[in-house]
Amino acid sequence: MDWKLELIVVPVSDVDRAKAFYTEQAGFGLDVDFRAGDDFRVVQLTPPGSACSIALMANAAAAGSLQGLHLVVADIEAARAALAERGAAPNEPYHFAGGEQLDGPHPTREDYGTFLSFADPDGNGWLVQEVGSRAGT
């Protein structure tokens, strides 16, 4: 039996602001924006090429509490440029060596070796990880 992770709930203080960030700045595709009355709204978005989506949930008390979700890309520099161009304010790529975080991509561009991060307006934090061997898959 397959167990597929297909949806992650992201707590936000303002669904409209978060929707704009994820579609316009992070580049996620909008799948659903459904309302049933004043108190029920489902906004589901999917990162390009992903089998897993996110659902924005209005929850001011928990907004910003989601940290460390990983997005995997084949080219971290291209991903950073796209995020920066759209105004998502990613940090510069970094890697680890000898237990220390060092600036710049991994020297040999080893799979799983280079990261960057960005956050949505509520502070929910995302990591982007380079895995070049997955290119084209």
C-alpha atoms as a PDB file:
ATOM      1  CA  MET A   1       0.000   0.000   0.000  1.00  0.00           C
ATOM      2  CA  ASP A   2       1.296   3.466  -0.902  1.00  0.00           C
ATOM      3  CA  TRP A   3       1.123   6.256   1.658  1.00  0.00           C
ATOM      4  CA  LYS A   4       1.331   9.526  -0.205  1.00  0.00           C
ATOM      5  CA  LEU A   5       1.775  12.860   1.476  1.00  0.00           C
ATOM      6  CA  GLU A   6      -0.306  15.190  -0.653  1.00  0.00           C
ATOM      7  CA  LEU A   7      -1.321  18.164   1.508  1.00  0.00           C
ATOM      8  CA  ILE A   8       0.344  20.242   4.231  1.00  0.00           C
ATOM      9  CA  VAL A   9      -1.650  22.826   6.195  1.00  0.00           C
ATOM     10  CA  VAL A  10       0.121  26.188   6.507  1.00  0.00           C
ATOM     11  CA  PRO A  11      -1.222  28.408   9.309  1.00  0.00           C
ATOM     12  CA  VAL A  12      -1.472  32.070   8.312  1.00  0.00           C
ATOM     13  CA  SER A  13      -2.912  35.238   9.796  1.00  0.00           C
ATOM     14  CA  ASP A  14      -4.307  36.582   6.508  1.00  0.00           C
ATOM     15  CA  VAL A  15      -5.333  34.102   3.809  1.00  0.00           C
ATOM     16  CA  ASP A  16      -5.495  36.710   1.032  1.00  0.00           C
ATOM     17  CA  ARG A  17      -2.012  38.045   1.835  1.00  0.00           C
ATOM     18  CA  ALA A  18      -0.602  34.505   2.015  1.00  0.00           C
ATOM     19  CA  LYS A  19      -2.323  33.511  -1.233  1.00  0.00           C
ATOM     20  CA  ALA A  20      -0.754  36.514  -2.975  1.00  0.00           C
ATOM     21  CA  PHE A  21       2.695  35.643  -1.573  1.00  0.00           C
ATOM     22  CA  TYR A  22       2.575  31.989  -2.595  1.00  0.00           C
ATOM     23  CA  THR A  23       1.201  32.645  -6.090  1.00  0.00           C
ATOM     24  CA  GLU A  24       3.036  35.865  -6.972  1.00  0.00           C
ATOM     25  CA  GLN A  25       6.318  35.583  -5.067  1.00  0.00           C
ATOM     26  CA  ALA A  26       6.899  31.876  -4.410  1.00  0.00           C
ATOM     27  CA  GLY A  27       5.481  30.829  -7.799  1.00  0.00           C
ATOM     28  CA  PHE A  28       3.043  28.193  -6.530  1.00  0.00           C
ATOM     29  CA  GLY A  29       0.027  27.360  -8.701  1.00  0.00           C
ATOM     30  CA  LEU A  30      -3.453  28.035  -7.346  1.00  0.00           C
ATOM     31  CA  ASP A  31      -5.515  24.835  -7.316  1.00  0.00           C
ATOM     32  CA  VAL A  32      -8.577  25.848  -5.309  1.00  0.00           C
ATOM     33  CA  ASP A  33     -10.005  28.937  -3.660  1.00  0.00           C
ATOM     34  CA  PHE A  34     -13.363  27.835  -2.283  1.00  0.00           C
ATOM     35  CA  ARG A  35     -15.648  29.565   0.208  1.00  0.00           C
ATOM     36  CA  ALA A  36     -18.705  28.198   1.967  1.00  0.00           C
ATOM     37  CA  GLY A  37     -20.057  31.039   4.031  1.00  0.00           C
ATOM     38  CA  ASP A  38     -18.043  33.563   6.006  1.00  0.00           C
ATOM     39  CA  ASP A  39     -16.178  31.095   8.190  1.00  0.00           C
ATOM     40  CA  PHE A  40     -15.023  28.392   5.784  1.00  0.00           C
ATOM     41  CA  ARG A  41     -12.428  28.865   3.060  1.00  0.00           C
ATOM     42  CA  VAL A  42     -10.042  26.436   1.400  1.00  0.00           C
ATOM     43  CA  VAL A  43      -7.081  27.814  -0.550  1.00  0.00           C
ATOM     44  CA  GLN A  44      -4.895  25.067  -1.962  1.00  0.00           C
ATOM     45  CA  LEU A  45      -1.666  25.737  -3.873  1.00  0.00           C
ATOM     46  CA  THR A  46       1.008  23.505  -5.381  1.00  0.00           C
ATOM     47  CA  PRO A  47       4.698  24.210  -5.990  1.00  0.00           C
ATOM     48  CA  PRO A  48       5.647  23.673  -9.663  1.00  0.00           C
ATOM     49  CA  GLY A  49       6.300  19.976 -10.330  1.00  0.00           C
ATOM     50  CA  SER A  50       5.253  18.842  -6.855  1.00  0.00           C
ATOM     51  CA  ALA A  51       2.901  16.008  -5.953  1.00  0.00           C
ATOM     52  CA  CYS A  52       2.260  17.662  -2.576  1.00  0.00           C
ATOM     53  CA  SER A  53       0.208  20.811  -2.122  1.00  0.00           C
ATOM     54  CA  ILE A  54      -0.331  23.261   0.710  1.00  0.00           C
ATOM     55  CA  ALA A  55      -3.611  24.493   2.162  1.00  0.00           C
ATOM     56  CA  LEU A  56      -3.697  27.935   3.758  1.00  0.00           C
ATOM     57  CA  MET A  57      -5.537  27.930   7.071  1.00  0.00           C
ATOM     58  CA  ALA A  58      -6.512  31.107   8.879  1.00  0.00           C
ATOM     59  CA  ASN A  59      -5.049  30.647  12.347  1.00  0.00           C
ATOM     60  CA  ALA A  60      -3.477  33.817  13.730  1.00  0.00           C
ATOM     61  CA  ALA A  61      -2.315  32.059  16.911  1.00  0.00           C
ATOM     62  CA  ALA A  62      -0.273  29.493  14.931  1.00  0.00           C
ATOM     63  CA  ALA A  63       0.747  31.731  12.006  1.00  0.00           C
ATOM     64  CA  GLY A  64       4.476  31.415  11.357  1.00  0.00           C
ATOM     65  CA  SER A  65       4.832  28.184  13.322  1.00  0.00           C
ATOM     66  CA  LEU A  66       5.504  25.934  10.323  1.00  0.00           C
ATOM     67  CA  GLN A  67       9.243  25.619   9.807  1.00  0.00           C
ATOM     68  CA  GLY A  68      11.592  23.530   7.693  1.00  0.00           C
ATOM     69  CA  LEU A  69       9.474  22.187   4.870  1.00  0.00           C
ATOM     70  CA  HIS A  70      11.849  21.288   2.034  1.00  0.00           C
ATOM     71  CA  LEU A  71      11.393  22.099  -1.614  1.00  0.00           C
ATOM     72  CA  VAL A  72      13.794  20.154  -3.848  1.00  0.00           C
ATOM     73  CA  VAL A  73      15.207  21.733  -7.009  1.00  0.00           C
ATOM     74  CA  ALA A  74      17.766  20.666  -9.608  1.00  0.00           C
ATOM     75  CA  ASP A  75      19.475  24.100  -9.745  1.00  0.00           C
ATOM     76  CA  ILE A  76      19.565  26.128  -6.533  1.00  0.00           C
ATOM     77  CA  GLU A  77      20.972  29.248  -8.191  1.00  0.00           C
ATOM     78  CA  ALA A  78      18.160  29.305 -10.766  1.00  0.00           C
ATOM     79  CA  ALA A  79      15.622  28.728  -7.986  1.00  0.00           C
ATOM     80  CA  ARG A  80      17.086  31.573  -5.931  1.00  0.00           C
ATOM     81  CA  ALA A  81      17.052  33.903  -8.928  1.00  0.00           C
ATOM     82  CA  ALA A  82      13.384  33.108  -9.631  1.00  0.00           C
ATOM     83  CA  LEU A  83      12.382  33.670  -6.000  1.00  0.00           C
ATOM     84  CA  ALA A  84      14.376  36.914  -5.781  1.00  0.00           C
ATOM     85  CA  GLU A  85      12.957  38.200  -9.068  1.00  0.00           C
ATOM     86  CA  ARG A  86       9.431  37.712  -7.714  1.00  0.00           C
ATOM     87  CA  GLY A  87      10.310  39.406  -4.410  1.00  0.00           C
ATOM     88  CA  ALA A  88      10.267  36.363  -2.097  1.00  0.00           C
ATOM     89  CA  ALA A  89      13.567  37.477  -0.464  1.00  0.00           C
ATOM     90  CA  PRO A  90      15.464  34.160  -0.342  1.00  0.00           C
ATOM     91  CA  ASN A  91      18.805  34.071   1.425  1.00  0.00           C
ATOM     92  CA  GLU A  92      22.010  33.173  -0.383  1.00  0.00           C
ATOM     93  CA  PRO A  93      22.844  29.491  -0.935  1.00  0.00           C
ATOM     94  CA  TYR A  94      24.835  27.775   1.790  1.00  0.00           C
ATOM     95  CA  HIS A  95      26.260  24.352   2.591  1.00  0.00           C
ATOM     96  CA  PHE A  96      27.700  22.491   5.548  1.00  0.00           C
ATOM     97  CA  ALA A  97      31.252  21.241   6.062  1.00  0.00           C
ATOM     98  CA  GLY A  98      32.882  20.043   9.231  1.00  0.00           C
ATOM     99  CA  GLY A  99      29.755  20.779  11.212  1.00  0.00           C
ATOM    100  CA  GLU A 100      29.694  24.426  10.120  1.00  0.00           C
ATOM    101  CA  GLN A 101      27.350  26.329   7.838  1.00  0.00           C
ATOM    102  CA  LEU A 102      29.373  27.952   5.052  1.00  0.00           C
ATOM    103  CA  ASP A 103      28.402  30.519   2.437  1.00  0.00           C
ATOM    104  CA  GLY A 104      27.874  29.444  -1.150  1.00  0.00           C
ATOM    105  CA  PRO A 105      26.859  26.226  -2.864  1.00  0.00           C
ATOM    106  CA  HIS A 106      28.545  22.952  -1.950  1.00  0.00           C
ATOM    107  CA  PRO A 107      31.957  23.031  -3.702  1.00  0.00           C
ATOM    108  CA  THR A 108      31.213  19.904  -5.772  1.00  0.00           C
ATOM    109  CA  ARG A 109      27.454  20.580  -5.978  1.00  0.00           C
ATOM    110  CA  GLU A 110      26.867  17.292  -4.159  1.00  0.00           C
ATOM    111  CA  ASP A 111      23.218  16.195  -4.092  1.00  0.00           C
ATOM    112  CA  TYR A 112      21.504  17.243  -0.868  1.00  0.00           C
ATOM    113  CA  GLY A 113      24.442  19.518  -0.106  1.00  0.00           C
ATOM    114  CA  THR A 114      23.247  23.044  -0.895  1.00  0.00           C
ATOM    115  CA  PHE A 115      20.373  24.964   0.684  1.00  0.00           C
ATOM    116  CA  LEU A 116      18.659  28.324   0.818  1.00  0.00           C
ATOM    117  CA  SER A 117      15.649  29.527   2.713  1.00  0.00           C
ATOM    118  CA  PHE A 118      12.778  31.971   2.495  1.00  0.00           C
ATOM    119  CA  ALA A 119       9.713  32.767   4.581  1.00  0.00           C
ATOM    120  CA  ASP A 120       6.154  33.821   3.909  1.00  0.00           C
ATOM    121  CA  PRO A 121       4.774  37.077   5.394  1.00  0.00           C
ATOM    122  CA  ASP A 122       3.835  35.287   8.645  1.00  0.00           C
ATOM    123  CA  GLY A 123       7.291  33.753   9.055  1.00  0.00           C
ATOM    124  CA  ASN A 124       6.491  30.197   7.975  1.00  0.00           C
ATOM    125  CA  GLY A 125       9.932  29.015   6.894  1.00  0.00           C
ATOM    126  CA  TRP A 126      10.873  27.015   3.811  1.00  0.00           C
ATOM    127  CA  LEU A 127      14.154  25.345   2.893  1.00  0.00           C
ATOM    128  CA  VAL A 128      15.137  24.805  -0.718  1.00  0.00           C
ATOM    129  CA  GLN A 129      17.567  21.938  -1.281  1.00  0.00           C
ATOM    130  CA  GLU A 130      19.511  21.155  -4.438  1.00  0.00           C
ATOM    131  CA  VAL A 131      19.307  17.601  -5.755  1.00  0.00           C
ATOM    132  CA  GLY A 132      20.704  17.705  -9.282  1.00  0.00           C
ATOM    133  CA  SER A 133      20.387  13.960  -9.842  1.00  0.00           C
ATOM    134  CA  ARG A 134      16.603  14.397  -9.911  1.00  0.00           C
ATOM    135  CA  ALA A 135      16.761  16.744 -12.911  1.00  0.00           C
ATOM    136  CA  GLY A 136      14.201  15.715 -15.474  1.00  0.00           C
ATOM    137  CA  THR A 137      12.265  13.482 -13.084  1.00  0.00           C
END
